[in-house]
C-alpha atoms as a PDB file:
ATOM      1  CA  MET A   1     -49.947   7.546 -56.111  1.00  0.00           C
ATOM      2  CA  ALA A   2     -46.305   6.845 -56.889  1.00  0.00           C
ATOM      3  CA  ARG A   3     -45.355  10.219 -55.432  1.00  0.00           C
ATOM      4  CA  LYS A   4     -47.300   9.546 -52.182  1.00  0.00           C
ATOM      5  CA  SER A   5     -45.771   6.078 -51.915  1.00  0.00           C
ATOM      6  CA  SER A   6     -42.329   7.590 -52.345  1.00  0.00           C
ATOM      7  CA  HIS A   7     -42.980  10.160 -49.602  1.00  0.00           C
ATOM      8  CA  GLY A   8     -44.254   7.389 -47.322  1.00  0.00           C
ATOM      9  CA  ARG A   9     -41.086   5.360 -47.831  1.00  0.00           C
ATOM     10  CA  ILE A  10     -38.964   8.439 -47.071  1.00  0.00           C
ATOM     11  CA  ARG A  11     -40.893   9.132 -43.862  1.00  0.00           C
ATOM     12  CA  ARG A  12     -40.576   5.508 -42.766  1.00  0.00           C
ATOM     13  CA  SER A  13     -36.826   5.594 -43.505  1.00  0.00           C
ATOM     14  CA  GLN A  14     -36.451   8.787 -41.478  1.00  0.00           C
ATOM     15  CA  GLN A  15     -38.381   7.276 -38.581  1.00  0.00           C
ATOM     16  CA  PHE A  16     -36.229   4.138 -38.733  1.00  0.00           C
ATOM     17  CA  LEU A  17     -33.014   6.181 -38.704  1.00  0.00           C
ATOM     18  CA  LEU A  18     -34.323   8.211 -35.752  1.00  0.00           C
ATOM     19  CA  VAL A  19     -35.072   5.040 -33.777  1.00  0.00           C
ATOM     20  CA  VAL A  20     -31.612   3.663 -34.570  1.00  0.00           C
ATOM     21  CA  ALA A  21     -29.974   6.935 -33.500  1.00  0.00           C
ATOM     22  CA  VAL A  22     -31.858   6.946 -30.187  1.00  0.00           C
ATOM     23  CA  LEU A  23     -30.944   3.289 -29.603  1.00  0.00           C
ATOM     24  CA  PHE A  24     -27.258   3.958 -30.190  1.00  0.00           C
ATOM     25  CA  PHE A  25     -27.405   6.963 -27.875  1.00  0.00           C
ATOM     26  CA  VAL A  26     -28.928   4.891 -25.065  1.00  0.00           C
ATOM     27  CA  LEU A  27     -26.407   2.095 -25.563  1.00  0.00           C
ATOM     28  CA  GLY A  28     -23.579   4.627 -25.651  1.00  0.00           C
ATOM     29  CA  VAL A  29     -24.640   6.219 -22.362  1.00  0.00           C
ATOM     30  CA  GLY A  30     -24.931   2.805 -20.745  1.00  0.00           C
ATOM     31  CA  ALA A  31     -21.504   1.764 -21.957  1.00  0.00           C
ATOM     32  CA  TYR A  32     -19.969   5.011 -20.736  1.00  0.00           C
ATOM     33  CA  TYR A  33     -21.535   4.575 -17.303  1.00  0.00           C
ATOM     34  CA  THR A  34     -20.307   0.986 -17.070  1.00  0.00           C
ATOM     35  CA  ILE A  35     -16.760   1.873 -18.082  1.00  0.00           C
ATOM     36  CA  THR A  36     -16.431   4.841 -15.748  1.00  0.00           C
ATOM     37  CA  ARG A  37     -17.988   2.952 -12.845  1.00  0.00           C
ATOM     38  CA  GLY A  38     -15.798  -0.100 -13.382  1.00  0.00           C
ATOM     39  CA  PHE A  39     -12.444   1.450 -14.188  1.00  0.00           C
ATOM     40  CA  GLY A  40     -12.546   5.179 -13.642  1.00  0.00           C
ATOM     41  CA  HIS A  41     -11.869   4.880  -9.900  1.00  0.00           C
ATOM     42  CA  VAL A  42      -8.202   3.871 -10.252  1.00  0.00           C
ATOM     43  CA  PRO A  43      -6.449   6.863  -8.619  1.00  0.00           C
ATOM     44  CA  LEU A  44      -3.295   6.880 -10.722  1.00  0.00           C
ATOM     45  CA  ALA A  45      -3.239  10.664 -10.619  1.00  0.00           C
ATOM     46  CA  ARG A  46      -2.694  10.475  -6.864  1.00  0.00           C
ATOM     47  CA  ALA A  47       0.390   8.322  -7.321  1.00  0.00           C
ATOM     48  CA  ASN A  48       2.547  11.467  -7.525  1.00  0.00           C
ATOM     49  CA  VAL A  49       3.146  12.819  -4.034  1.00  0.00           C
ATOM     50  CA  GLY A  50       3.286  16.604  -4.086  1.00  0.00           C
ATOM     51  CA  ALA A  51       4.472  18.939  -1.365  1.00  0.00           C
ATOM     52  CA  SER A  52       0.897  19.544  -0.249  1.00  0.00           C
ATOM     53  CA  ASP A  53       0.290  15.798   0.045  1.00  0.00           C
ATOM     54  CA  SER A  54       2.700  15.392   2.922  1.00  0.00           C
ATOM     55  CA  GLY A  55       0.699  17.240   5.529  1.00  0.00           C
ATOM     56  CA  HIS A  56      -2.984  16.478   5.195  1.00  0.00           C
ATOM     57  CA  SER A  57      -3.175  14.192   2.182  1.00  0.00           C
ATOM     58  CA  ASN A  58      -4.859  10.818   1.844  1.00  0.00           C
ATOM     59  CA  LYS A  59      -8.308  12.340   1.420  1.00  0.00           C
ATOM     60  CA  ALA A  60      -9.324   8.891   0.175  1.00  0.00           C
ATOM     61  CA  VAL A  61      -8.359   7.298   3.500  1.00  0.00           C
ATOM     62  CA  HIS A  62     -11.904   7.209   4.777  1.00  0.00           C
ATOM     63  CA  SER A  63     -12.929   3.734   3.688  1.00  0.00           C
ATOM     64  CA  VAL A  64     -11.219   0.475   4.511  1.00  0.00           C
ATOM     65  CA  THR A  65     -12.635  -1.315   1.483  1.00  0.00           C
ATOM     66  CA  SER A  66     -12.898  -0.800  -2.242  1.00  0.00           C
ATOM     67  CA  ARG A  67     -16.189   0.659  -3.409  1.00  0.00           C
ATOM     68  CA  ASP A  68     -16.719  -2.200  -5.877  1.00  0.00           C
ATOM     69  CA  SER A  69     -14.781  -4.855  -3.982  1.00  0.00           C
ATOM     70  CA  THR A  70     -15.293  -8.466  -4.977  1.00  0.00           C
ATOM     71  CA  LEU A  71     -12.466 -10.071  -2.997  1.00  0.00           C
ATOM     72  CA  VAL A  72     -11.120  -9.720   0.540  1.00  0.00           C
ATOM     73  CA  GLU A  73      -7.437 -10.377   1.305  1.00  0.00           C
ATOM     74  CA  THR A  74      -5.873 -10.407   4.752  1.00  0.00           C
ATOM     75  CA  VAL A  75      -2.659  -8.478   5.330  1.00  0.00           C
ATOM     76  CA  MET A  76      -0.725  -9.323   8.493  1.00  0.00           C
ATOM     77  CA  THR A  77       1.549  -6.474   9.600  1.00  0.00           C
ATOM     78  CA  VAL A  78       4.601  -7.052  11.776  1.00  0.00           C
ATOM     79  CA  GLY A  79       6.807  -4.456  13.419  1.00  0.00           C
ATOM     80  CA  SER A  80       6.940  -2.104  16.371  1.00  0.00           C
ATOM     81  CA  SER A  81       5.231   1.147  17.406  1.00  0.00           C
ATOM     82  CA  VAL A  82       5.702   3.031  14.117  1.00  0.00           C
ATOM     83  CA  ALA A  83       4.289   0.085  12.154  1.00  0.00           C
ATOM     84  CA  GLU A  84       1.474  -0.070  14.701  1.00  0.00           C
ATOM     85  CA  GLY A  85       0.558   3.480  13.721  1.00  0.00           C
ATOM     86  CA  TRP A  86       1.445   5.499  16.792  1.00  0.00           C
ATOM     87  CA  VAL A  87       0.673   9.242  16.679  1.00  0.00           C
ATOM     88  CA  ASP A  88      -1.634   8.769  13.679  1.00  0.00           C
ATOM     89  CA  PRO A  89      -4.974   7.892  15.312  1.00  0.00           C
ATOM     90  CA  LYS A  90      -7.161   8.945  12.379  1.00  0.00           C
ATOM     91  CA  GLY A  91      -5.048   7.463   9.582  1.00  0.00           C
ATOM     92  CA  GLY A  92      -4.045   4.314  11.446  1.00  0.00           C
ATOM     93  CA  GLY A  93      -0.404   4.538  10.369  1.00  0.00           C
ATOM     94  CA  TYR A  94       1.435   4.301   7.053  1.00  0.00           C
ATOM     95  CA  LEU A  95       0.685   0.613   6.512  1.00  0.00           C
ATOM     96  CA  ASN A  96      -3.062   1.073   6.985  1.00  0.00           C
ATOM     97  CA  ARG A  97      -3.006   4.197   4.825  1.00  0.00           C
ATOM     98  CA  ALA A  98      -1.219   2.433   1.950  1.00  0.00           C
ATOM     99  CA  PHE A  99      -3.520  -0.584   1.862  1.00  0.00           C
ATOM    100  CA  ARG A 100      -6.616   1.580   2.186  1.00  0.00           C
ATOM    101  CA  GLU A 101      -5.441   3.497  -0.869  1.00  0.00           C
ATOM    102  CA  LEU A 102      -4.784   0.214  -2.662  1.00  0.00           C
ATOM    103  CA  SER A 103      -8.295  -0.982  -1.793  1.00  0.00           C
ATOM    104  CA  LEU A 104      -9.738   2.161  -3.329  1.00  0.00           C
ATOM    105  CA  ALA A 105      -7.654   1.659  -6.484  1.00  0.00           C
ATOM    106  CA  THR A 106      -8.663  -1.959  -6.991  1.00  0.00           C
ATOM    107  CA  LYS A 107     -11.551  -4.367  -6.550  1.00  0.00           C
ATOM    108  CA  VAL A 108      -9.772  -5.991  -3.611  1.00  0.00           C
ATOM    109  CA  SER A 109     -10.561  -5.129   0.004  1.00  0.00           C
ATOM    110  CA  TYR A 110      -7.429  -5.455   2.115  1.00  0.00           C
ATOM    111  CA  LYS A 111      -8.177  -6.359   5.726  1.00  0.00           C
ATOM    112  CA  ILE A 112      -5.388  -5.514   8.165  1.00  0.00           C
ATOM    113  CA  ALA A 113      -4.512  -8.045  10.865  1.00  0.00           C
ATOM    114  CA  ARG A 114      -2.190  -5.955  13.007  1.00  0.00           C
ATOM    115  CA  LYS A 115       0.543  -7.857  14.822  1.00  0.00           C
ATOM    116  CA  ALA A 116       2.823  -4.822  15.052  1.00  0.00           C
ATOM    117  CA  VAL A 117       3.116  -3.881  18.730  1.00  0.00           C
ATOM    118  CA  ALA A 118       5.038  -1.088  20.416  1.00  0.00           C
ATOM    119  CA  GLY A 119       8.235  -2.324  22.017  1.00  0.00           C
ATOM    120  CA  ASP A 120       8.509  -5.495  19.943  1.00  0.00           C
ATOM    121  CA  TYR A 121      11.727  -6.407  18.168  1.00  0.00           C
ATOM    122  CA  THR A 122      12.772  -9.291  15.939  1.00  0.00           C
ATOM    123  CA  THR A 123      14.145 -11.647  18.597  1.00  0.00           C
ATOM    124  CA  LYS A 124      11.221 -11.000  20.939  1.00  0.00           C
ATOM    125  CA  VAL A 125       8.568 -12.185  18.443  1.00  0.00           C
ATOM    126  CA  ALA A 126      10.534 -15.110  16.984  1.00  0.00           C
ATOM    127  CA  ARG A 127       8.390 -17.713  18.774  1.00  0.00           C
ATOM    128  CA  GLN A 128       5.118 -15.910  18.204  1.00  0.00           C
ATOM    129  CA  PHE A 129       5.512 -15.353  14.479  1.00  0.00           C
ATOM    130  CA  PRO A 130       4.679 -18.947  13.344  1.00  0.00           C
ATOM    131  CA  MET A 131       1.629 -18.932  15.629  1.00  0.00           C
ATOM    132  CA  TRP A 132       0.429 -15.676  14.069  1.00  0.00           C
ATOM    133  CA  LEU A 133       0.654 -17.225  10.617  1.00  0.00           C
ATOM    134  CA  ARG A 134      -1.451 -20.205  11.705  1.00  0.00           C
ATOM    135  CA  GLU A 135      -3.952 -17.933  13.430  1.00  0.00           C
ATOM    136  CA  VAL A 136      -4.390 -15.330  10.690  1.00  0.00           C
ATOM    137  CA  HIS A 137      -3.785 -17.279   7.433  1.00  0.00           C
ATOM    138  CA  PRO A 138      -2.744 -14.077   5.644  1.00  0.00           C
ATOM    139  CA  GLN A 139      -2.475 -13.728   1.885  1.00  0.00           C
ATOM    140  CA  VAL A 140       0.093 -10.969   2.463  1.00  0.00           C
ATOM    141  CA  VAL A 141       2.639 -10.515   5.266  1.00  0.00           C
ATOM    142  CA  VAL A 142       4.118  -7.043   5.673  1.00  0.00           C
ATOM    143  CA  ILE A 143       7.350  -7.004   7.670  1.00  0.00           C
ATOM    144  CA  SER A 144       8.340  -3.481   8.641  1.00  0.00           C
ATOM    145  CA  TRP A 145      10.837  -3.349  11.475  1.00  0.00           C
ATOM    146  CA  GLY A 146      11.912   0.147  12.447  1.00  0.00           C
ATOM    147  CA  ALA A 147      15.072  -1.273  14.035  1.00  0.00           C
ATOM    148  CA  LEU A 148      15.127   1.285  16.853  1.00  0.00           C
ATOM    149  CA  ASP A 149      13.832  -1.275  19.339  1.00  0.00           C
ATOM    150  CA  ASP A 150      16.346  -3.821  18.026  1.00  0.00           C
ATOM    151  CA  ILE A 151      19.083  -1.222  18.431  1.00  0.00           C
ATOM    152  CA  GLU A 152      17.834  -0.524  21.967  1.00  0.00           C
ATOM    153  CA  ALA A 153      17.840  -4.294  22.682  1.00  0.00           C
ATOM    154  CA  LYS A 154      21.376  -4.470  21.226  1.00  0.00           C
ATOM    155  CA  THR A 155      20.391  -7.045  18.616  1.00  0.00           C
ATOM    156  CA  PRO A 156      23.473  -7.593  16.443  1.00  0.00           C
ATOM    157  CA  ILE A 157      22.887  -6.625  12.806  1.00  0.00           C
ATOM    158  CA  ALA A 158      23.710 -10.170  11.665  1.00  0.00           C
ATOM    159  CA  THR A 159      21.115 -11.547  14.101  1.00  0.00           C
ATOM    160  CA  PHE A 160      18.576  -8.945  12.981  1.00  0.00           C
ATOM    161  CA  GLU A 161      19.068 -10.014   9.354  1.00  0.00           C
ATOM    162  CA  GLN A 162      18.821 -13.686  10.311  1.00  0.00           C
ATOM    163  CA  ASN A 163      15.579 -13.043  12.220  1.00  0.00           C
ATOM    164  CA  VAL A 164      14.029 -11.239   9.247  1.00  0.00           C
ATOM    165  CA  ARG A 165      15.140 -14.026   6.932  1.00  0.00           C
ATOM    166  CA  MET A 166      13.485 -16.577   9.208  1.00  0.00           C
ATOM    167  CA  GLU A 167      10.213 -14.609   9.196  1.00  0.00           C
ATOM    168  CA  ILE A 168      10.258 -14.443   5.399  1.00  0.00           C
ATOM    169  CA  SER A 169      10.952 -18.168   5.137  1.00  0.00           C
ATOM    170  CA  GLN A 170       8.094 -19.051   7.467  1.00  0.00           C
ATOM    171  CA  ALA A 171       5.684 -16.727   5.642  1.00  0.00           C
ATOM    172  CA  LEU A 172       6.615 -18.238   2.277  1.00  0.00           C
ATOM    173  CA  ALA A 173       6.073 -21.724   3.697  1.00  0.00           C
ATOM    174  CA  ALA A 174       2.551 -20.553   4.589  1.00  0.00           C
ATOM    175  CA  HIS A 175       2.079 -19.421   0.953  1.00  0.00           C
ATOM    176  CA  SER A 176       1.941 -15.750   1.882  1.00  0.00           C
ATOM    177  CA  VAL A 177       3.355 -13.002  -0.300  1.00  0.00           C
ATOM    178  CA  VAL A 178       5.925 -11.058   1.733  1.00  0.00           C
ATOM    179  CA  VAL A 179       6.355  -7.296   1.478  1.00  0.00           C
ATOM    180  CA  ILE A 180       9.425  -5.938   3.241  1.00  0.00           C
ATOM    181  CA  VAL A 181       8.834  -2.281   4.054  1.00  0.00           C
ATOM    182  CA  THR A 182      11.677  -0.252   5.481  1.00  0.00           C
ATOM    183  CA  THR A 183      10.554   2.122   8.216  1.00  0.00           C
ATOM    184  CA  PRO A 184       9.570   5.773   7.802  1.00  0.00           C
ATOM    185  CA  ILE A 185      12.271   8.178   8.928  1.00  0.00           C
ATOM    186  CA  THR A 186      12.268   9.621  12.443  1.00  0.00           C
ATOM    187  CA  ARG A 187      14.247  12.338  14.190  1.00  0.00           C
ATOM    188  CA  ALA A 188      16.615   9.585  15.333  1.00  0.00           C
ATOM    189  CA  THR A 189      17.372   8.883  11.660  1.00  0.00           C
ATOM    190  CA  TYR A 190      19.007  12.308  11.394  1.00  0.00           C
ATOM    191  CA  THR A 191      20.407  12.597  14.912  1.00  0.00           C
ATOM    192  CA  GLN A 192      20.816   9.622  17.212  1.00  0.00           C
ATOM    193  CA  PHE A 193      21.356   6.817  14.668  1.00  0.00           C
ATOM    194  CA  GLN A 194      22.542   8.481  11.475  1.00  0.00           C
ATOM    195  CA  THR A 195      24.964   5.665  10.686  1.00  0.00           C
ATOM    196  CA  LEU A 196      23.514   2.697  12.549  1.00  0.00           C
ATOM    197  CA  GLU A 197      19.871   2.756  11.410  1.00  0.00           C
ATOM    198  CA  PRO A 198      20.696   2.632   7.663  1.00  0.00           C
ATOM    199  CA  ARG A 199      22.810  -0.469   8.339  1.00  0.00           C
ATOM    200  CA  TYR A 200      19.789  -2.221   9.856  1.00  0.00           C
ATOM    201  CA  MET A 201      17.609  -1.160   6.925  1.00  0.00           C
ATOM    202  CA  ASN A 202      20.191  -2.528   4.487  1.00  0.00           C
ATOM    203  CA  ALA A 203      20.267  -5.800   6.444  1.00  0.00           C
ATOM    204  CA  GLU A 204      16.456  -6.016   6.256  1.00  0.00           C
ATOM    205  CA  MET A 205      16.537  -5.594   2.477  1.00  0.00           C
ATOM    206  CA  ALA A 206      19.476  -7.983   2.113  1.00  0.00           C
ATOM    207  CA  ALA A 207      17.453 -10.672   3.889  1.00  0.00           C
ATOM    208  CA  ALA A 208      14.653 -10.181   1.361  1.00  0.00           C
ATOM    209  CA  ARG A 209      16.926 -10.203  -1.675  1.00  0.00           C
ATOM    210  CA  SER A 210      18.569 -13.446  -0.573  1.00  0.00           C
ATOM    211  CA  PHE A 211      15.409 -15.370  -1.524  1.00  0.00           C
ATOM    212  CA  HIS A 212      15.386 -14.351  -5.196  1.00  0.00           C
ATOM    213  CA  SER A 213      11.649 -14.968  -5.108  1.00  0.00           C
ATOM    214  CA  PRO A 214       8.779 -13.231  -6.935  1.00  0.00           C
ATOM    215  CA  ASN A 215       6.816 -13.684  -3.703  1.00  0.00           C
ATOM    216  CA  VAL A 216       9.162 -11.368  -1.782  1.00  0.00           C
ATOM    217  CA  VAL A 217       8.835  -7.669  -2.563  1.00  0.00           C
ATOM    218  CA  ILE A 218      10.756  -4.692  -1.146  1.00  0.00           C
ATOM    219  CA  SER A 219       9.444  -1.166  -0.635  1.00  0.00           C
ATOM    220  CA  ASP A 220      12.282   1.029   0.596  1.00  0.00           C
ATOM    221  CA  VAL A 221      10.188   3.743   2.257  1.00  0.00           C
ATOM    222  CA  PHE A 222      13.138   4.762   4.468  1.00  0.00           C
ATOM    223  CA  ASN A 223      15.379   5.935   1.624  1.00  0.00           C
ATOM    224  CA  GLN A 224      12.512   7.182  -0.541  1.00  0.00           C
ATOM    225  CA  MET A 225      11.310   9.391   2.278  1.00  0.00           C
ATOM    226  CA  LYS A 226      14.803  10.797   2.832  1.00  0.00           C
ATOM    227  CA  SER A 227      15.107  11.501  -0.902  1.00  0.00           C
ATOM    228  CA  TYR A 228      11.672  13.133  -1.020  1.00  0.00           C
ATOM    229  CA  ILE A 229      12.507  15.488   1.851  1.00  0.00           C
ATOM    230  CA  ALA A 230      15.849  16.414   0.279  1.00  0.00           C
ATOM    231  CA  ALA A 231      14.337  16.937  -3.179  1.00  0.00           C
ATOM    232  CA  HIS A 232      11.705  19.288  -1.763  1.00  0.00           C
ATOM    233  CA  HIS A 233      14.266  21.233   0.286  1.00  0.00           C
ATOM    234  CA  GLN A 234      12.559  20.301   3.523  1.00  0.00           C
ATOM    235  CA  THR A 235      13.752  19.093   6.910  1.00  0.00           C
ATOM    236  CA  TYR A 236      12.477  16.109   8.856  1.00  0.00           C
ATOM    237  CA  LYS A 237      10.840  18.378  11.456  1.00  0.00           C
ATOM    238  CA  PRO A 238       7.384  18.838   9.825  1.00  0.00           C
ATOM    239  CA  TYR A 239       6.991  15.057   9.800  1.00  0.00           C
ATOM    240  CA  MET A 240       8.013  14.287  13.391  1.00  0.00           C
ATOM    241  CA  ALA A 241       5.973  13.785  16.559  1.00  0.00           C
ATOM    242  CA  ASP A 242       8.959  13.004  18.797  1.00  0.00           C
ATOM    243  CA  GLY A 243      12.411  11.461  18.612  1.00  0.00           C
ATOM    244  CA  TRP A 244      11.270   7.983  17.551  1.00  0.00           C
ATOM    245  CA  HIS A 245       7.889   8.511  15.872  1.00  0.00           C
ATOM    246  CA  PRO A 246       6.567  10.361  12.810  1.00  0.00           C
ATOM    247  CA  ASN A 247       3.412  12.426  13.177  1.00  0.00           C
ATOM    248  CA  ALA A 248       0.305  12.123  10.984  1.00  0.00           C
ATOM    249  CA  ALA A 249       2.030  14.033   8.179  1.00  0.00           C
ATOM    250  CA  GLY A 250       4.983  11.625   8.314  1.00  0.00           C
ATOM    251  CA  HIS A 251       2.668   8.610   8.218  1.00  0.00           C
ATOM    252  CA  ALA A 252       0.749  10.176   5.318  1.00  0.00           C
ATOM    253  CA  LEU A 253       3.899  10.685   3.243  1.00  0.00           C
ATOM    254  CA  ALA A 254       5.230   7.207   4.040  1.00  0.00           C
ATOM    255  CA  GLY A 255       1.837   5.698   3.245  1.00  0.00           C
ATOM    256  CA  GLN A 256       1.700   7.407  -0.142  1.00  0.00           C
ATOM    257  CA  LEU A 257       5.209   6.220  -1.026  1.00  0.00           C
ATOM    258  CA  LEU A 258       4.320   2.655  -0.071  1.00  0.00           C
ATOM    259  CA  TYR A 259       0.999   2.835  -1.933  1.00  0.00           C
ATOM    260  CA  VAL A 260       2.775   3.891  -5.135  1.00  0.00           C
ATOM    261  CA  ASP A 261       5.222   0.989  -4.774  1.00  0.00           C
ATOM    262  CA  LEU A 262       2.383  -1.488  -4.223  1.00  0.00           C
ATOM    263  CA  LEU A 263       0.415  -0.196  -7.200  1.00  0.00           C
ATOM    264  CA  ARG A 264       3.462  -0.318  -9.462  1.00  0.00           C
ATOM    265  CA  THR A 265       4.351  -3.827  -8.315  1.00  0.00           C
ATOM    266  CA  PHE A 266       0.947  -5.520  -8.209  1.00  0.00           C
ATOM    267  CA  GLY A 267      -1.230  -3.267 -10.355  1.00  0.00           C
ATOM    268  CA  VAL A 268      -4.961  -3.508  -9.769  1.00  0.00           C
ATOM    269  CA  LYS A 269      -5.008  -7.293  -9.551  1.00  0.00           C
ATOM    270  CA  PRO A 270      -5.191  -9.229  -6.256  1.00  0.00           C
ATOM    271  CA  ILE A 271      -1.863  -9.933  -4.581  1.00  0.00           C
ATOM    272  CA  SER A 272      -1.434 -13.638  -5.123  1.00  0.00           C
ATOM    273  CA  PHE A 273       1.229 -16.182  -4.240  1.00  0.00           C
ATOM    274  CA  SER A 274       3.193 -17.469  -7.226  1.00  0.00           C
ATOM    275  CA  ALA A 275       3.739 -21.212  -6.947  1.00  0.00           C
END
């Protein structure tokens, strides 16, 4: 009897251990699924832009929103035709591309309110800008003047800088985070305005730096793009549509550079105004 009782206890112990093992397996699979679904989507591997990325990259630029989005933030974009996304009908331009990538990397869906219009320049929109802020109520304002239209309008560099500073000030007063994005390069960068365009870009960044504010961020796409092309022993030609506009490949490269800057600056958290 004692021997049978002993065997019975052993069998019951084995059955108990088997049940526990199965339970832990089920819990483990559930935990793994939760972790990979919640955090595995952050595309940090795509933060490095390779040579092949410049032409037909941004495979993730198919969805405007994050797959698991829980928050929507409005991004108001200001600039001219390049910021509007000319010659990139499928991608929507470098600004759209960057924030679509950021949406996919986070649980925030970034909705673009496009106020960038071909032919606009800083003085021309000075009166409209405050009205746009009241109309849109953006959490983020992206100011990305290409300067070519300001150069064409003969806006003095000092006036250009003052206009950008005024836009930043008004956006901050509306409790919007401001991202100053220098323009993607164009053929004019290397030909027509080799000296003049960089001076406008420097003025744009100087206006941003003058605020010494955590709510004002700079992404120098202009110089990063020039450095990228030089480092990869390329010319500007594969990225150009015409003298003043990048093609889809140019927008894709600029969008990736901006996306990396945004991800490094804000991480995967919502972009929020710091009081």
